């Protein structure tokens, strides 16, 4: 079973949910807003894909930060602390099977290329 991480009220998440449901791909939803996210999980993902890929610098949460805060995010430790504090700054969704990241974000072409386990 896949685990999809994100926040419920997000257009990108809606696209991912719609895709998974339409293709009958089983998943459980982990809502950052309700359940938070552990530093260990963020570090695990960062070790696989890099903290820079996890940090959503295109979103409104990042853009609303002051320049001093943005400029201070220079390494994984600082990025993980920010992502724990402001979960909306984590790129969405993150989908994993077990401890293996499948994909970050939503790109239909990429989803179509994945050999999903049903």
PDB file of N, CA and C in Angstrom:
ATOM      1  N   UNK A   1       0.849  -1.181   0.000  1.00  0.00           N
ATOM      2  CA  UNK A   1       0.000   0.000   0.000  1.00  0.00           C
ATOM      3  C   UNK A   1       0.890   1.238   0.000  1.00  0.00           C
ATOM      4  N   UNK A   2       0.534   2.195  -0.809  1.00  0.00           N
ATOM      5  CA  UNK A   2       1.273   3.449  -0.880  1.00  0.00           C
ATOM      6  C   UNK A   2       0.815   4.393   0.224  1.00  0.00           C
ATOM      7  N   UNK A   3       1.721   5.231   0.656  1.00  0.00           N
ATOM      8  CA  UNK A   3       1.388   6.293   1.613  1.00  0.00           C
ATOM      9  C   UNK A   3       1.579   7.595   0.852  1.00  0.00           C
ATOM     10  N   UNK A   4       0.551   8.439   0.865  1.00  0.00           N
ATOM     11  CA  UNK A   4       0.633   9.739   0.198  1.00  0.00           C
ATOM     12  C   UNK A   4       0.624  10.810   1.288  1.00  0.00           C
ATOM     13  N   UNK A   5       1.652  11.649   1.263  1.00  0.00           N
ATOM     14  CA  UNK A   5       1.840  12.684   2.274  1.00  0.00           C
ATOM     15  C   UNK A   5       1.520  14.045   1.661  1.00  0.00           C
ATOM     16  N   UNK A   6       0.823  14.878   2.426  1.00  0.00           N
ATOM     17  CA  UNK A   6       0.525  16.218   1.970  1.00  0.00           C
ATOM     18  C   UNK A   6      -0.525  16.871   2.849  1.00  0.00           C
ATOM     19  N   UNK A   7      -1.202  17.852   2.274  1.00  0.00           N
ATOM     20  CA  UNK A   7      -2.304  18.513   2.965  1.00  0.00           C
ATOM     21  C   UNK A   7      -3.549  18.379   2.101  1.00  0.00           C
ATOM     22  N   UNK A   8      -4.679  18.282   2.757  1.00  0.00           N
ATOM     23  CA  UNK A   8      -5.914  17.958   2.047  1.00  0.00           C
ATOM     24  C   UNK A   8      -6.337  19.039   1.049  1.00  0.00           C
ATOM     25  N   UNK A   9      -6.283  20.287   1.456  1.00  0.00           N
ATOM     26  CA  UNK A   9      -6.778  21.375   0.606  1.00  0.00           C
ATOM     27  C   UNK A   9      -5.658  21.919  -0.274  1.00  0.00           C
ATOM     28  N   UNK A  10      -5.305  21.159  -1.293  1.00  0.00           N
ATOM     29  CA  UNK A  10      -4.217  21.523  -2.190  1.00  0.00           C
ATOM     30  C   UNK A  10      -4.583  21.009  -3.575  1.00  0.00           C
ATOM     31  N   UNK A  11      -4.499  21.857  -4.560  1.00  0.00           N
ATOM     32  CA  UNK A  11      -4.864  21.457  -5.921  1.00  0.00           C
ATOM     33  C   UNK A  11      -3.978  20.326  -6.441  1.00  0.00           C
ATOM     34  N   UNK A  12      -2.698  20.367  -6.125  1.00  0.00           N
ATOM     35  CA  UNK A  12      -1.793  19.314  -6.584  1.00  0.00           C
ATOM     36  C   UNK A  12      -2.147  17.993  -5.928  1.00  0.00           C
ATOM     37  N   UNK A  13      -2.493  18.027  -4.655  1.00  0.00           N
ATOM     38  CA  UNK A  13      -2.919  16.815  -3.960  1.00  0.00           C
ATOM     39  C   UNK A  13      -4.192  16.260  -4.601  1.00  0.00           C
ATOM     40  N   UNK A  14      -5.121  17.142  -4.944  1.00  0.00           N
ATOM     41  CA  UNK A  14      -6.368  16.701  -5.569  1.00  0.00           C
ATOM     42  C   UNK A  14      -6.071  15.962  -6.870  1.00  0.00           C
ATOM     43  N   UNK A  15      -5.142  16.491  -7.665  1.00  0.00           N
ATOM     44  CA  UNK A  15      -4.769  15.815  -8.916  1.00  0.00           C
ATOM     45  C   UNK A  15      -4.195  14.428  -8.635  1.00  0.00           C
ATOM     46  N   UNK A  16      -3.348  14.335  -7.628  1.00  0.00           N
ATOM     47  CA  UNK A  16      -2.750  13.041  -7.272  1.00  0.00           C
ATOM     48  C   UNK A  16      -3.816  12.064  -6.773  1.00  0.00           C
ATOM     49  N   UNK A  17      -4.712  12.532  -5.890  1.00  0.00           N
ATOM     50  CA  UNK A  17      -5.795  11.671  -5.398  1.00  0.00           C
ATOM     51  C   UNK A  17      -6.647  11.178  -6.570  1.00  0.00           C
ATOM     52  N   UNK A  18      -7.020  12.100  -7.453  1.00  0.00           N
ATOM     53  CA  UNK A  18      -7.851  11.742  -8.607  1.00  0.00           C
ATOM     54  C   UNK A  18      -7.166  10.680  -9.462  1.00  0.00           C
ATOM     55  N   UNK A  19      -5.861  10.865  -9.687  1.00  0.00           N
ATOM     56  CA  UNK A  19      -5.107   9.905 -10.496  1.00  0.00           C
ATOM     57  C   UNK A  19      -5.088   8.537  -9.819  1.00  0.00           C
ATOM     58  N   UNK A  20      -4.718   8.495  -8.548  1.00  0.00           N
ATOM     59  CA  UNK A  20      -4.631   7.229  -7.829  1.00  0.00           C
ATOM     60  C   UNK A  20      -5.989   6.527  -7.782  1.00  0.00           C
ATOM     61  N   UNK A  21      -7.047   7.283  -7.515  1.00  0.00           N
ATOM     62  CA  UNK A  21      -8.386   6.693  -7.462  1.00  0.00           C
ATOM     63  C   UNK A  21      -8.816   6.173  -8.829  1.00  0.00           C
ATOM     64  N   UNK A  22      -8.576   6.948  -9.882  1.00  0.00           N
ATOM     65  CA  UNK A  22      -8.978   6.550 -11.229  1.00  0.00           C
ATOM     66  C   UNK A  22      -8.251   5.278 -11.674  1.00  0.00           C
ATOM     67  N   UNK A  23      -7.024   5.099 -11.196  1.00  0.00           N
ATOM     68  CA  UNK A  23      -6.230   3.933 -11.589  1.00  0.00           C
ATOM     69  C   UNK A  23      -6.272   2.817 -10.531  1.00  0.00           C
ATOM     70  N   UNK A  24      -7.170   2.969  -9.557  1.00  0.00           N
ATOM     71  CA  UNK A  24      -7.374   1.967  -8.500  1.00  0.00           C
ATOM     72  C   UNK A  24      -6.078   1.584  -7.794  1.00  0.00           C
ATOM     73  N   UNK A  25      -5.269   2.596  -7.509  1.00  0.00           N
ATOM     74  CA  UNK A  25      -4.013   2.392  -6.806  1.00  0.00           C
ATOM     75  C   UNK A  25      -4.285   2.609  -5.314  1.00  0.00           C
ATOM     76  N   UNK A  26      -4.047   1.588  -4.489  1.00  0.00           N
ATOM     77  CA  UNK A  26      -4.365   1.703  -3.060  1.00  0.00           C
ATOM     78  C   UNK A  26      -3.391   2.632  -2.336  1.00  0.00           C
ATOM     79  N   UNK A  27      -3.927   3.430  -1.429  1.00  0.00           N
ATOM     80  CA  UNK A  27      -3.074   4.349  -0.672  1.00  0.00           C
ATOM     81  C   UNK A  27      -3.713   4.704   0.653  1.00  0.00           C
ATOM     82  N   UNK A  28      -2.859   5.183   1.559  1.00  0.00           N
ATOM     83  CA  UNK A  28      -3.296   5.803   2.808  1.00  0.00           C
ATOM     84  C   UNK A  28      -2.804   7.232   2.770  1.00  0.00           C
ATOM     85  N   UNK A  29      -3.588   8.141   3.309  1.00  0.00           N
ATOM     86  CA  UNK A  29      -3.257   9.566   3.292  1.00  0.00           C
ATOM     87  C   UNK A  29      -2.715  10.002   4.646  1.00  0.00           C
ATOM     88  N   UNK A  30      -1.563  10.636   4.622  1.00  0.00           N
ATOM     89  CA  UNK A  30      -0.963  11.218   5.829  1.00  0.00           C
ATOM     90  C   UNK A  30      -1.062  12.736   5.690  1.00  0.00           C
ATOM     91  N   UNK A  31      -1.916  13.338   6.488  1.00  0.00           N
ATOM     92  CA  UNK A  31      -2.161  14.781   6.434  1.00  0.00           C
ATOM     93  C   UNK A  31      -1.201  15.506   7.377  1.00  0.00           C
ATOM     94  N   UNK A  32      -0.275  16.284   6.787  1.00  0.00           N
ATOM     95  CA  UNK A  32       0.691  17.033   7.594  1.00  0.00           C
ATOM     96  C   UNK A  32       0.006  17.950   8.603  1.00  0.00           C
ATOM     97  N   UNK A  33      -1.119  18.538   8.206  1.00  0.00           N
ATOM     98  CA  UNK A  33      -1.791  19.502   9.086  1.00  0.00           C
ATOM     99  C   UNK A  33      -2.323  18.826  10.345  1.00  0.00           C
ATOM    100  N   UNK A  34      -2.793  17.588  10.216  1.00  0.00           N
ATOM    101  CA  UNK A  34      -3.361  16.884  11.364  1.00  0.00           C
ATOM    102  C   UNK A  34      -2.327  16.050  12.102  1.00  0.00           C
ATOM    103  N   UNK A  35      -1.415  15.427  11.356  1.00  0.00           N
ATOM    104  CA  UNK A  35      -0.501  14.454  11.948  1.00  0.00           C
ATOM    105  C   UNK A  35       0.937  14.944  12.074  1.00  0.00           C
ATOM    106  N   UNK A  36       1.253  16.073  11.437  1.00  0.00           N
ATOM    107  CA  UNK A  36       2.628  16.553  11.452  1.00  0.00           C
ATOM    108  C   UNK A  36       3.527  15.638  10.644  1.00  0.00           C
ATOM    109  N   UNK A  37       4.834  15.837  10.779  1.00  0.00           N
ATOM    110  CA  UNK A  37       5.812  14.991  10.101  1.00  0.00           C
ATOM    111  C   UNK A  37       7.070  14.971  10.958  1.00  0.00           C
ATOM    112  N   UNK A  38       7.652  13.810  11.095  1.00  0.00           N
ATOM    113  CA  UNK A  38       8.830  13.690  11.963  1.00  0.00           C
ATOM    114  C   UNK A  38      10.091  14.168  11.255  1.00  0.00           C
ATOM    115  N   UNK A  39      11.024  14.630  12.044  1.00  0.00           N
ATOM    116  CA  UNK A  39      12.330  15.015  11.501  1.00  0.00           C
ATOM    117  C   UNK A  39      12.989  13.791  10.874  1.00  0.00           C
ATOM    118  N   UNK A  40      12.796  12.620  11.481  1.00  0.00           N
ATOM    119  CA  UNK A  40      13.392  11.394  10.956  1.00  0.00           C
ATOM    120  C   UNK A  40      12.878  11.092   9.557  1.00  0.00           C
ATOM    121  N   UNK A  41      11.569  11.253   9.341  1.00  0.00           N
ATOM    122  CA  UNK A  41      10.990  10.984   8.021  1.00  0.00           C
ATOM    123  C   UNK A  41      11.524  11.991   7.000  1.00  0.00           C
ATOM    124  N   UNK A  42      11.591  13.255   7.379  1.00  0.00           N
ATOM    125  CA  UNK A  42      12.113  14.285   6.474  1.00  0.00           C
ATOM    126  C   UNK A  42      13.578  14.011   6.126  1.00  0.00           C
ATOM    127  N   UNK A  43      14.360  13.584   7.116  1.00  0.00           N
ATOM    128  CA  UNK A  43      15.779  13.269   6.866  1.00  0.00           C
ATOM    129  C   UNK A  43      15.908  12.050   5.957  1.00  0.00           C
ATOM    130  N   UNK A  44      15.028  11.081   6.156  1.00  0.00           N
ATOM    131  CA  UNK A  44      15.024   9.877   5.317  1.00  0.00           C
ATOM    132  C   UNK A  44      14.773  10.268   3.860  1.00  0.00           C
ATOM    133  N   UNK A  45      13.745  11.101   3.636  1.00  0.00           N
ATOM    134  CA  UNK A  45      13.453  11.558   2.280  1.00  0.00           C
ATOM    135  C   UNK A  45      14.609  12.368   1.714  1.00  0.00           C
ATOM    136  N   UNK A  46      15.152  13.263   2.538  1.00  0.00           N
ATOM    137  CA  UNK A  46      16.258  14.119   2.088  1.00  0.00           C
ATOM    138  C   UNK A  46      17.467  13.274   1.691  1.00  0.00           C
ATOM    139  N   UNK A  47      17.699  12.179   2.403  1.00  0.00           N
ATOM    140  CA  UNK A  47      18.842  11.325   2.061  1.00  0.00           C
ATOM    141  C   UNK A  47      18.630  10.652   0.709  1.00  0.00           C
ATOM    142  N   UNK A  48      17.375  10.490   0.304  1.00  0.00           N
ATOM    143  CA  UNK A  48      17.065   9.836  -0.974  1.00  0.00           C
ATOM    144  C   UNK A  48      17.020  10.821  -2.139  1.00  0.00           C
ATOM    145  N   UNK A  49      16.451  12.009  -1.902  1.00  0.00           N
ATOM    146  CA  UNK A  49      16.234  12.933  -3.030  1.00  0.00           C
ATOM    147  C   UNK A  49      16.887  14.295  -2.837  1.00  0.00           C
ATOM    148  N   UNK A  50      17.409  14.568  -1.644  1.00  0.00           N
ATOM    149  CA  UNK A  50      17.989  15.885  -1.360  1.00  0.00           C
ATOM    150  C   UNK A  50      16.942  16.816  -0.767  1.00  0.00           C
ATOM    151  N   UNK A  51      17.343  17.568   0.248  1.00  0.00           N
ATOM    152  CA  UNK A  51      16.383  18.465   0.916  1.00  0.00           C
ATOM    153  C   UNK A  51      15.892  19.559  -0.018  1.00  0.00           C
ATOM    154  N   UNK A  52      16.710  19.934  -0.987  1.00  0.00           N
ATOM    155  CA  UNK A  52      16.326  21.002  -1.915  1.00  0.00           C
ATOM    156  C   UNK A  52      15.091  20.617  -2.727  1.00  0.00           C
ATOM    157  N   UNK A  53      14.972  19.332  -3.076  1.00  0.00           N
ATOM    158  CA  UNK A  53      13.817  18.875  -3.861  1.00  0.00           C
ATOM    159  C   UNK A  53      12.553  18.827  -3.008  1.00  0.00           C
ATOM    160  N   UNK A  54      12.704  18.601  -1.715  1.00  0.00           N
ATOM    161  CA  UNK A  54      11.547  18.542  -0.814  1.00  0.00           C
ATOM    162  C   UNK A  54      10.982  19.920  -0.486  1.00  0.00           C
ATOM    163  N   UNK A  55      11.835  20.917  -0.521  1.00  0.00           N
ATOM    164  CA  UNK A  55      11.442  22.270  -0.127  1.00  0.00           C
ATOM    165  C   UNK A  55      10.765  22.971  -1.299  1.00  0.00           C
ATOM    166  N   UNK A  56       9.503  23.318  -1.125  1.00  0.00           N
ATOM    167  CA  UNK A  56       8.727  23.946  -2.196  1.00  0.00           C
ATOM    168  C   UNK A  56       8.920  25.462  -2.180  1.00  0.00           C
ATOM    169  N   UNK A  57       9.814  25.932  -3.019  1.00  0.00           N
ATOM    170  CA  UNK A  57      10.083  27.367  -3.081  1.00  0.00           C
ATOM    171  C   UNK A  57       9.139  28.100  -4.031  1.00  0.00           C
ATOM    172  N   UNK A  58       8.210  27.368  -4.652  1.00  0.00           N
ATOM    173  CA  UNK A  58       7.238  27.991  -5.557  1.00  0.00           C
ATOM    174  C   UNK A  58       5.932  28.339  -4.848  1.00  0.00           C
ATOM    175  N   UNK A  59       5.720  27.774  -3.677  1.00  0.00           N
ATOM    176  CA  UNK A  59       4.443  27.932  -2.990  1.00  0.00           C
ATOM    177  C   UNK A  59       4.315  29.225  -2.201  1.00  0.00           C
ATOM    178  N   UNK A  60       3.089  29.507  -1.799  1.00  0.00           N
ATOM    179  CA  UNK A  60       2.807  30.744  -1.069  1.00  0.00           C
ATOM    180  C   UNK A  60       3.449  30.753   0.313  1.00  0.00           C
ATOM    181  N   UNK A  61       3.598  29.587   0.940  1.00  0.00           N
ATOM    182  CA  UNK A  61       4.213  29.550   2.271  1.00  0.00           C
ATOM    183  C   UNK A  61       5.650  30.045   2.197  1.00  0.00           C
ATOM    184  N   UNK A  62       6.412  29.538   1.232  1.00  0.00           N
ATOM    185  CA  UNK A  62       7.805  29.981   1.066  1.00  0.00           C
ATOM    186  C   UNK A  62       7.845  31.467   0.721  1.00  0.00           C
ATOM    187  N   UNK A  63       7.009  31.879  -0.205  1.00  0.00           N
ATOM    188  CA  UNK A  63       7.028  33.284  -0.659  1.00  0.00           C
ATOM    189  C   UNK A  63       6.637  34.239   0.457  1.00  0.00           C
ATOM    190  N   UNK A  64       5.871  33.757   1.435  1.00  0.00           N
ATOM    191  CA  UNK A  64       5.447  34.633   2.537  1.00  0.00           C
ATOM    192  C   UNK A  64       6.521  34.780   3.619  1.00  0.00           C
ATOM    193  N   UNK A  65       7.560  33.960   3.549  1.00  0.00           N
ATOM    194  CA  UNK A  65       8.640  34.064   4.541  1.00  0.00           C
ATOM    195  C   UNK A  65       9.468  35.318   4.284  1.00  0.00           C
ATOM    196  N   UNK A  66      10.021  35.899   5.350  1.00  0.00           N
ATOM    197  CA  UNK A  66      10.884  37.064   5.161  1.00  0.00           C
ATOM    198  C   UNK A  66      12.220  36.609   4.563  1.00  0.00           C
ATOM    199  N   UNK A  67      12.908  37.526   3.944  1.00  0.00           N
ATOM    200  CA  UNK A  67      14.158  37.205   3.250  1.00  0.00           C
ATOM    201  C   UNK A  67      15.208  36.617   4.188  1.00  0.00           C
ATOM    202  N   UNK A  68      15.255  37.097   5.412  1.00  0.00           N
ATOM    203  CA  UNK A  68      16.231  36.588   6.381  1.00  0.00           C
ATOM    204  C   UNK A  68      16.001  35.091   6.635  1.00  0.00           C
ATOM    205  N   UNK A  69      14.734  34.712   6.794  1.00  0.00           N
ATOM    206  CA  UNK A  69      14.406  33.302   7.023  1.00  0.00           C
ATOM    207  C   UNK A  69      14.764  32.472   5.797  1.00  0.00           C
ATOM    208  N   UNK A  70      14.390  32.946   4.615  1.00  0.00           N
ATOM    209  CA  UNK A  70      14.708  32.216   3.381  1.00  0.00           C
ATOM    210  C   UNK A  70      16.214  32.035   3.231  1.00  0.00           C
ATOM    211  N   UNK A  71      16.957  33.099   3.447  1.00  0.00           N
ATOM    212  CA  UNK A  71      18.411  33.052   3.278  1.00  0.00           C
ATOM    213  C   UNK A  71      19.098  32.156   4.301  1.00  0.00           C
ATOM    214  N   UNK A  72      18.426  31.910   5.430  1.00  0.00           N
ATOM    215  CA  UNK A  72      19.010  31.081   6.487  1.00  0.00           C
ATOM    216  C   UNK A  72      18.907  29.579   6.178  1.00  0.00           C
ATOM    217  N   UNK A  73      18.073  29.211   5.207  1.00  0.00           N
ATOM    218  CA  UNK A  73      17.892  27.793   4.870  1.00  0.00           C
ATOM    219  C   UNK A  73      19.008  27.379   3.912  1.00  0.00           C
ATOM    220  N   UNK A  74      20.126  26.960   4.511  1.00  0.00           N
ATOM    221  CA  UNK A  74      21.325  26.665   3.721  1.00  0.00           C
ATOM    222  C   UNK A  74      21.791  25.221   3.834  1.00  0.00           C
ATOM    223  N   UNK A  75      21.098  24.431   4.663  1.00  0.00           N
ATOM    224  CA  UNK A  75      21.507  23.033   4.796  1.00  0.00           C
ATOM    225  C   UNK A  75      20.301  22.184   5.204  1.00  0.00           C
ATOM    226  N   UNK A  76      20.507  20.880   5.215  1.00  0.00           N
ATOM    227  CA  UNK A  76      19.417  19.952   5.511  1.00  0.00           C
ATOM    228  C   UNK A  76      18.824  20.180   6.893  1.00  0.00           C
ATOM    229  N   UNK A  77      19.672  20.382   7.901  1.00  0.00           N
ATOM    230  CA  UNK A  77      19.185  20.560   9.272  1.00  0.00           C
ATOM    231  C   UNK A  77      18.218  21.738   9.360  1.00  0.00           C
ATOM    232  N   UNK A  78      18.581  22.868   8.765  1.00  0.00           N
ATOM    233  CA  UNK A  78      17.723  24.058   8.804  1.00  0.00           C
ATOM    234  C   UNK A  78      16.457  23.847   7.968  1.00  0.00           C
ATOM    235  N   UNK A  79      16.596  23.169   6.834  1.00  0.00           N
ATOM    236  CA  UNK A  79      15.433  22.907   5.981  1.00  0.00           C
ATOM    237  C   UNK A  79      14.445  21.981   6.686  1.00  0.00           C
ATOM    238  N   UNK A  80      14.953  20.943   7.348  1.00  0.00           N
ATOM    239  CA  UNK A  80      14.088  20.010   8.066  1.00  0.00           C
ATOM    240  C   UNK A  80      13.342  20.733   9.184  1.00  0.00           C
ATOM    241  N   UNK A  81      14.030  21.592   9.917  1.00  0.00           N
ATOM    242  CA  UNK A  81      13.375  22.355  10.992  1.00  0.00           C
ATOM    243  C   UNK A  81      12.252  23.225  10.430  1.00  0.00           C
ATOM    244  N   UNK A  82      12.503  23.885   9.309  1.00  0.00           N
ATOM    245  CA  UNK A  82      11.477  24.718   8.685  1.00  0.00           C
ATOM    246  C   UNK A  82      10.307  23.863   8.200  1.00  0.00           C
ATOM    247  N   UNK A  83      10.594  22.725   7.565  1.00  0.00           N
ATOM    248  CA  UNK A  83       9.531  21.867   7.042  1.00  0.00           C
ATOM    249  C   UNK A  83       8.679  21.283   8.167  1.00  0.00           C
ATOM    250  N   UNK A  84       9.286  21.032   9.333  1.00  0.00           N
ATOM    251  CA  UNK A  84       8.499  20.560  10.475  1.00  0.00           C
ATOM    252  C   UNK A  84       7.616  21.668  11.022  1.00  0.00           C
ATOM    253  N   UNK A  85       8.157  22.871  11.078  1.00  0.00           N
ATOM    254  CA  UNK A  85       7.411  24.000  11.623  1.00  0.00           C
ATOM    255  C   UNK A  85       6.302  24.449  10.682  1.00  0.00           C
ATOM    256  N   UNK A  86       6.615  24.512   9.386  1.00  0.00           N
ATOM    257  CA  UNK A  86       5.660  24.976   8.376  1.00  0.00           C
ATOM    258  C   UNK A  86       5.507  23.881   7.323  1.00  0.00           C
ATOM    259  N   UNK A  87       4.661  22.897   7.629  1.00  0.00           N
ATOM    260  CA  UNK A  87       4.536  21.728   6.762  1.00  0.00           C
ATOM    261  C   UNK A  87       4.066  22.066   5.350  1.00  0.00           C
ATOM    262  N   UNK A  88       3.430  23.216   5.184  1.00  0.00           N
ATOM    263  CA  UNK A  88       2.970  23.612   3.857  1.00  0.00           C
ATOM    264  C   UNK A  88       4.122  23.932   2.905  1.00  0.00           C
ATOM    265  N   UNK A  89       5.338  24.026   3.433  1.00  0.00           N
ATOM    266  CA  UNK A  89       6.493  24.329   2.591  1.00  0.00           C
ATOM    267  C   UNK A  89       7.115  23.047   2.008  1.00  0.00           C
ATOM    268  N   UNK A  90       6.575  21.880   2.378  1.00  0.00           N
ATOM    269  CA  UNK A  90       7.044  20.613   1.807  1.00  0.00           C
ATOM    270  C   UNK A  90       6.340  20.426   0.465  1.00  0.00           C
ATOM    271  N   UNK A  91       7.119  20.118  -0.566  1.00  0.00           N
ATOM    272  CA  UNK A  91       6.524  19.881  -1.880  1.00  0.00           C
ATOM    273  C   UNK A  91       5.542  18.724  -1.777  1.00  0.00           C
ATOM    274  N   UNK A  92       4.430  18.851  -2.483  1.00  0.00           N
ATOM    275  CA  UNK A  92       3.359  17.865  -2.384  1.00  0.00           C
ATOM    276  C   UNK A  92       2.990  17.313  -3.746  1.00  0.00           C
ATOM    277  N   UNK A  93       2.490  16.067  -3.696  1.00  0.00           N
ATOM    278  CA  UNK A  93       2.582  15.099  -2.615  1.00  0.00           C
ATOM    279  C   UNK A  93       3.939  14.405  -2.595  1.00  0.00           C
ATOM    280  N   UNK A  94       4.191  13.711  -1.503  1.00  0.00           N
ATOM    281  CA  UNK A  94       5.279  12.739  -1.447  1.00  0.00           C
ATOM    282  C   UNK A  94       4.577  11.392  -1.341  1.00  0.00           C
ATOM    283  N   UNK A  95       4.891  10.494  -2.265  1.00  0.00           N
ATOM    284  CA  UNK A  95       4.271   9.172  -2.252  1.00  0.00           C
ATOM    285  C   UNK A  95       5.373   8.145  -2.050  1.00  0.00           C
ATOM    286  N   UNK A  96       5.127   7.238  -1.117  1.00  0.00           N
ATOM    287  CA  UNK A  96       6.113   6.189  -0.865  1.00  0.00           C
ATOM    288  C   UNK A  96       5.433   4.849  -0.660  1.00  0.00           C
ATOM    289  N   UNK A  97       6.189   3.798  -0.929  1.00  0.00           N
ATOM    290  CA  UNK A  97       5.790   2.434  -0.635  1.00  0.00           C
ATOM    291  C   UNK A  97       6.831   1.909   0.325  1.00  0.00           C
ATOM    292  N   UNK A  98       6.434   1.649   1.562  1.00  0.00           N
ATOM    293  CA  UNK A  98       7.413   1.313   2.585  1.00  0.00           C
ATOM    294  C   UNK A  98       8.269   2.538   2.831  1.00  0.00           C
ATOM    295  N   UNK A  99       9.569   2.383   2.759  1.00  0.00           N
ATOM    296  CA  UNK A  99      10.462   3.528   2.945  1.00  0.00           C
ATOM    297  C   UNK A  99      11.047   4.014   1.622  1.00  0.00           C
ATOM    298  N   UNK A 100      10.480   3.558   0.524  1.00  0.00           N
ATOM    299  CA  UNK A 100      10.978   3.945  -0.789  1.00  0.00           C
ATOM    300  C   UNK A 100      10.119   5.076  -1.353  1.00  0.00           C
ATOM    301  N   UNK A 101      10.745   6.213  -1.634  1.00  0.00           N
ATOM    302  CA  UNK A 101       9.987   7.302  -2.246  1.00  0.00           C
ATOM    303  C   UNK A 101       9.680   6.924  -3.680  1.00  0.00           C
ATOM    304  N   UNK A 102       8.449   7.094  -4.060  1.00  0.00           N
ATOM    305  CA  UNK A 102       8.050   6.829  -5.429  1.00  0.00           C
ATOM    306  C   UNK A 102       8.154   8.118  -6.238  1.00  0.00           C
ATOM    307  N   UNK A 103       7.575   9.176  -5.708  1.00  0.00           N
ATOM    308  CA  UNK A 103       7.549  10.423  -6.473  1.00  0.00           C
ATOM    309  C   UNK A 103       7.267  11.601  -5.551  1.00  0.00           C
ATOM    310  N   UNK A 104       7.764  12.745  -5.940  1.00  0.00           N
ATOM    311  CA  UNK A 104       7.465  13.993  -5.242  1.00  0.00           C
ATOM    312  C   UNK A 104       6.810  14.917  -6.254  1.00  0.00           C
ATOM    313  N   UNK A 105       5.666  15.475  -5.875  1.00  0.00           N
ATOM    314  CA  UNK A 105       4.926  16.354  -6.777  1.00  0.00           C
ATOM    315  C   UNK A 105       3.978  15.558  -7.646  1.00  0.00           C
ATOM    316  N   UNK A 106       3.338  16.230  -8.581  1.00  0.00           N
ATOM    317  CA  UNK A 106       2.433  15.543  -9.502  1.00  0.00           C
ATOM    318  C   UNK A 106       2.752  15.951 -10.930  1.00  0.00           C
ATOM    319  N   UNK A 107       3.133  14.964 -11.711  1.00  0.00           N
ATOM    320  CA  UNK A 107       3.296  15.122 -13.156  1.00  0.00           C
ATOM    321  C   UNK A 107       2.668  13.889 -13.781  1.00  0.00           C
ATOM    322  N   UNK A 108       1.589  14.081 -14.518  1.00  0.00           N
ATOM    323  CA  UNK A 108       0.841  12.935 -15.037  1.00  0.00           C
ATOM    324  C   UNK A 108       1.711  12.022 -15.896  1.00  0.00           C
ATOM    325  N   UNK A 109       2.576  12.582 -16.726  1.00  0.00           N
ATOM    326  CA  UNK A 109       3.443  11.743 -17.566  1.00  0.00           C
ATOM    327  C   UNK A 109       4.330  10.841 -16.722  1.00  0.00           C
ATOM    328  N   UNK A 110       4.839  11.388 -15.634  1.00  0.00           N
ATOM    329  CA  UNK A 110       5.683  10.604 -14.741  1.00  0.00           C
ATOM    330  C   UNK A 110       4.864   9.529 -14.029  1.00  0.00           C
ATOM    331  N   UNK A 111       3.674   9.879 -13.573  1.00  0.00           N
ATOM    332  CA  UNK A 111       2.806   8.902 -12.918  1.00  0.00           C
ATOM    333  C   UNK A 111       2.487   7.765 -13.896  1.00  0.00           C
ATOM    334  N   UNK A 112       2.236   8.116 -15.162  1.00  0.00           N
ATOM    335  CA  UNK A 112       1.931   7.096 -16.168  1.00  0.00           C
ATOM    336  C   UNK A 112       3.108   6.154 -16.392  1.00  0.00           C
ATOM    337  N   UNK A 113       4.320   6.618 -16.184  1.00  0.00           N
ATOM    338  CA  UNK A 113       5.518   5.808 -16.424  1.00  0.00           C
ATOM    339  C   UNK A 113       5.858   4.887 -15.248  1.00  0.00           C
ATOM    340  N   UNK A 114       5.249   5.109 -14.101  1.00  0.00           N
ATOM    341  CA  UNK A 114       5.536   4.299 -12.915  1.00  0.00           C
ATOM    342  C   UNK A 114       4.811   2.963 -13.010  1.00  0.00           C
ATOM    343  N   UNK A 115       5.482   1.916 -12.606  1.00  0.00           N
ATOM    344  CA  UNK A 115       4.857   0.595 -12.531  1.00  0.00           C
ATOM    345  C   UNK A 115       4.274   0.435 -11.137  1.00  0.00           C
ATOM    346  N   UNK A 116       3.048   0.937 -10.956  1.00  0.00           N
ATOM    347  CA  UNK A 116       2.383   0.922  -9.659  1.00  0.00           C
ATOM    348  C   UNK A 116       2.058  -0.510  -9.259  1.00  0.00           C
ATOM    349  N   UNK A 117       2.176  -0.789  -7.970  1.00  0.00           N
ATOM    350  CA  UNK A 117       1.798  -2.090  -7.416  1.00  0.00           C
ATOM    351  C   UNK A 117       0.372  -1.980  -6.907  1.00  0.00           C
ATOM    352  N   UNK A 118      -0.500  -2.822  -7.395  1.00  0.00           N
ATOM    353  CA  UNK A 118      -1.921  -2.754  -6.999  1.00  0.00           C
ATOM    354  C   UNK A 118      -2.233  -3.715  -5.899  1.00  0.00           C
TER     355      UNK A 118
END
